[in-house]
Amino acid sequence: MGLVTVETVNVCPFCGGVLELVEDESSVWFGCRRCMRYVKRDKREVVKRHVDYREKRFNWSGMMAELYQLYVKT
């Protein structure tokens, strides 16, 4: 599997560039192509935190908020 890249509506607080979500086989990356700053999360961690199998829901907004907060803190 190759990389899957999605541009988000979030803007980099450091340079004003568009933030992107990048997925590879084992990780999710969130960051700015212009700054070349990214945070990385293992997919297993993301699933544990944001997938509710009983409700059959994926908490997309929760994941994006968490990744953005990690990005801003780095």
N, C-alpha and C. Protein backbone atom coordinates (compact mmCIF):
# COMPACT_ATOMS: atom_id res chain seq x y z
N MET A 1 0.85 -1.19 0.00
CA MET A 1 0.00 0.00 0.00
C MET A 1 0.88 1.24 0.00
N GLY A 2 0.54 2.22 -0.81
CA GLY A 2 1.27 3.48 -0.85
C GLY A 2 0.75 4.45 0.19
N LEU A 3 1.19 5.66 0.08
CA LEU A 3 0.71 6.71 0.97
C LEU A 3 -0.62 7.26 0.50
N VAL A 4 -1.49 7.56 1.45
CA VAL A 4 -2.75 8.24 1.18
C VAL A 4 -2.64 9.60 1.83
N THR A 5 -2.84 10.66 1.05
CA THR A 5 -2.71 12.03 1.56
C THR A 5 -4.02 12.78 1.38
N VAL A 6 -4.45 13.47 2.46
CA VAL A 6 -5.68 14.25 2.43
C VAL A 6 -5.37 15.64 2.96
N GLU A 7 -5.67 16.66 2.18
CA GLU A 7 -5.55 18.03 2.69
C GLU A 7 -6.73 18.31 3.61
N THR A 8 -6.45 18.96 4.72
CA THR A 8 -7.51 19.26 5.69
C THR A 8 -7.88 20.74 5.62
N VAL A 9 -8.87 21.12 6.39
CA VAL A 9 -9.26 22.53 6.46
C VAL A 9 -8.40 23.28 7.48
N ASN A 10 -7.57 22.54 8.22
CA ASN A 10 -6.71 23.16 9.22
C ASN A 10 -5.56 23.89 8.55
N VAL A 11 -5.14 24.97 9.20
CA VAL A 11 -4.05 25.80 8.69
C VAL A 11 -2.89 25.74 9.69
N CYS A 12 -1.69 25.66 9.17
CA CYS A 12 -0.50 25.62 10.01
C CYS A 12 -0.36 26.94 10.77
N PRO A 13 -0.26 26.87 12.10
CA PRO A 13 -0.11 28.10 12.87
C PRO A 13 1.27 28.73 12.73
N PHE A 14 2.21 28.01 12.14
CA PHE A 14 3.57 28.51 12.01
C PHE A 14 3.82 29.23 10.68
N CYS A 15 3.20 28.72 9.59
CA CYS A 15 3.47 29.32 8.27
C CYS A 15 2.21 29.65 7.48
N GLY A 16 1.04 29.21 7.94
CA GLY A 16 -0.20 29.48 7.22
C GLY A 16 -0.52 28.48 6.11
N GLY A 17 0.31 27.46 5.97
CA GLY A 17 0.07 26.44 4.94
C GLY A 17 -1.06 25.49 5.33
N VAL A 18 -1.54 24.75 4.36
CA VAL A 18 -2.60 23.77 4.59
C VAL A 18 -2.00 22.55 5.29
N LEU A 19 -2.67 22.09 6.35
CA LEU A 19 -2.21 20.89 7.04
C LEU A 19 -2.79 19.67 6.34
N GLU A 20 -2.03 18.58 6.33
CA GLU A 20 -2.47 17.37 5.65
C GLU A 20 -2.38 16.17 6.57
N LEU A 21 -3.23 15.20 6.28
CA LEU A 21 -3.24 13.93 6.96
C LEU A 21 -2.66 12.91 5.99
N VAL A 22 -1.65 12.18 6.43
CA VAL A 22 -0.99 11.20 5.58
C VAL A 22 -1.05 9.85 6.28
N GLU A 23 -1.47 8.82 5.55
CA GLU A 23 -1.59 7.49 6.11
C GLU A 23 -0.68 6.54 5.33
N ASP A 24 0.09 5.75 6.08
CA ASP A 24 0.86 4.67 5.45
C ASP A 24 0.37 3.35 6.05
N GLU A 25 1.12 2.30 5.87
CA GLU A 25 0.66 0.98 6.31
C GLU A 25 0.45 0.88 7.82
N SER A 26 1.25 1.58 8.60
CA SER A 26 1.16 1.41 10.05
C SER A 26 0.94 2.69 10.84
N SER A 27 1.00 3.84 10.19
CA SER A 27 0.95 5.11 10.92
C SER A 27 0.06 6.14 10.24
N VAL A 28 -0.31 7.14 11.05
CA VAL A 28 -1.01 8.32 10.57
C VAL A 28 -0.12 9.51 10.89
N TRP A 29 0.15 10.33 9.89
CA TRP A 29 0.97 11.52 10.04
C TRP A 29 0.07 12.74 9.83
N PHE A 30 0.34 13.81 10.57
CA PHE A 30 -0.43 15.05 10.44
C PHE A 30 0.56 16.19 10.47
N GLY A 31 0.51 17.04 9.45
CA GLY A 31 1.45 18.14 9.46
C GLY A 31 1.38 19.01 8.22
N CYS A 32 2.43 19.80 8.06
CA CYS A 32 2.51 20.81 7.02
C CYS A 32 3.62 20.48 6.03
N ARG A 33 3.25 20.37 4.79
CA ARG A 33 4.23 20.09 3.74
C ARG A 33 5.18 21.27 3.57
N ARG A 34 4.67 22.49 3.75
CA ARG A 34 5.52 23.68 3.59
C ARG A 34 6.60 23.75 4.68
N CYS A 35 6.21 23.52 5.91
CA CYS A 35 7.16 23.54 7.04
C CYS A 35 7.95 22.24 7.17
N MET A 36 7.40 21.18 6.61
CA MET A 36 7.95 19.84 6.78
C MET A 36 7.96 19.43 8.26
N ARG A 37 6.92 19.84 8.97
CA ARG A 37 6.72 19.47 10.38
C ARG A 37 5.56 18.50 10.43
N TYR A 38 5.74 17.39 11.08
CA TYR A 38 4.68 16.38 11.19
C TYR A 38 4.69 15.75 12.57
N VAL A 39 3.52 15.30 13.01
CA VAL A 39 3.42 14.44 14.18
C VAL A 39 2.94 13.08 13.66
N LYS A 40 3.31 12.04 14.38
CA LYS A 40 3.02 10.68 13.93
C LYS A 40 2.30 9.93 15.04
N ARG A 41 1.31 9.16 14.66
CA ARG A 41 0.60 8.28 15.58
C ARG A 41 0.48 6.90 14.94
N ASP A 42 0.69 5.88 15.73
CA ASP A 42 0.49 4.51 15.28
C ASP A 42 -1.01 4.29 15.06
N LYS A 43 -1.35 3.60 13.99
CA LYS A 43 -2.77 3.36 13.70
C LYS A 43 -3.47 2.62 14.83
N ARG A 44 -2.76 1.72 15.49
CA ARG A 44 -3.38 0.98 16.60
C ARG A 44 -3.80 1.93 17.72
N GLU A 45 -2.97 2.93 18.01
CA GLU A 45 -3.33 3.92 19.03
C GLU A 45 -4.56 4.70 18.62
N VAL A 46 -4.60 5.10 17.36
CA VAL A 46 -5.74 5.87 16.85
C VAL A 46 -7.02 5.05 16.97
N VAL A 47 -6.95 3.79 16.59
CA VAL A 47 -8.13 2.92 16.65
C VAL A 47 -8.58 2.75 18.10
N LYS A 48 -7.65 2.52 19.02
CA LYS A 48 -8.02 2.34 20.42
C LYS A 48 -8.75 3.56 20.97
N ARG A 49 -8.31 4.74 20.56
CA ARG A 49 -8.88 5.97 21.10
C ARG A 49 -10.15 6.43 20.41
N HIS A 50 -10.28 6.13 19.12
CA HIS A 50 -11.32 6.80 18.35
C HIS A 50 -12.32 5.90 17.64
N VAL A 51 -12.21 4.58 17.82
CA VAL A 51 -13.19 3.68 17.22
C VAL A 51 -14.02 3.07 18.33
N ASP A 52 -15.34 3.19 18.20
CA ASP A 52 -16.28 2.57 19.12
C ASP A 52 -16.97 1.45 18.36
N TYR A 53 -16.55 0.22 18.64
CA TYR A 53 -17.08 -0.92 17.89
C TYR A 53 -18.54 -1.21 18.24
N ARG A 54 -18.95 -0.93 19.46
CA ARG A 54 -20.37 -1.16 19.82
C ARG A 54 -21.29 -0.23 19.05
N GLU A 55 -20.88 1.02 18.94
CA GLU A 55 -21.69 2.01 18.22
C GLU A 55 -21.40 2.01 16.72
N LYS A 56 -20.34 1.29 16.33
CA LYS A 56 -19.89 1.26 14.93
C LYS A 56 -19.60 2.67 14.43
N ARG A 57 -18.78 3.39 15.23
CA ARG A 57 -18.45 4.77 14.90
C ARG A 57 -16.95 5.03 14.97
N PHE A 58 -16.52 5.88 14.09
CA PHE A 58 -15.15 6.39 14.13
C PHE A 58 -15.24 7.87 14.44
N ASN A 59 -14.59 8.29 15.50
CA ASN A 59 -14.64 9.67 15.95
C ASN A 59 -13.60 10.50 15.18
N TRP A 60 -13.95 10.85 13.95
CA TRP A 60 -13.04 11.59 13.07
C TRP A 60 -12.66 12.94 13.67
N SER A 61 -13.64 13.68 14.13
CA SER A 61 -13.35 15.02 14.66
C SER A 61 -12.47 14.94 15.91
N GLY A 62 -12.67 13.92 16.73
CA GLY A 62 -11.83 13.74 17.91
C GLY A 62 -10.39 13.44 17.53
N MET A 63 -10.21 12.59 16.51
CA MET A 63 -8.86 12.27 16.05
C MET A 63 -8.18 13.50 15.48
N MET A 64 -8.90 14.26 14.67
CA MET A 64 -8.31 15.45 14.06
C MET A 64 -7.95 16.49 15.13
N ALA A 65 -8.80 16.66 16.13
CA ALA A 65 -8.51 17.61 17.22
C ALA A 65 -7.27 17.17 17.99
N GLU A 66 -7.15 15.87 18.26
CA GLU A 66 -5.98 15.36 18.97
C GLU A 66 -4.70 15.58 18.15
N LEU A 67 -4.75 15.27 16.86
CA LEU A 67 -3.57 15.45 16.01
C LEU A 67 -3.19 16.92 15.91
N TYR A 68 -4.18 17.80 15.81
CA TYR A 68 -3.88 19.24 15.73
C TYR A 68 -3.21 19.72 17.01
N GLN A 69 -3.74 19.29 18.17
CA GLN A 69 -3.15 19.69 19.44
C GLN A 69 -1.70 19.19 19.57
N LEU A 70 -1.46 17.97 19.13
CA LEU A 70 -0.09 17.44 19.14
C LEU A 70 0.81 18.28 18.23
N TYR A 71 0.29 18.64 17.08
CA TYR A 71 1.07 19.42 16.13
C TYR A 71 1.45 20.79 16.70
N VAL A 72 0.50 21.45 17.32
CA VAL A 72 0.74 22.78 17.86
C VAL A 72 1.75 22.73 19.01
N LYS A 73 1.75 21.64 19.78
CA LYS A 73 2.64 21.53 20.93
C LYS A 73 4.08 21.17 20.55
N THR A 74 4.30 20.69 19.31
CA THR A 74 5.65 20.29 18.94
C THR A 74 6.43 21.43 18.33
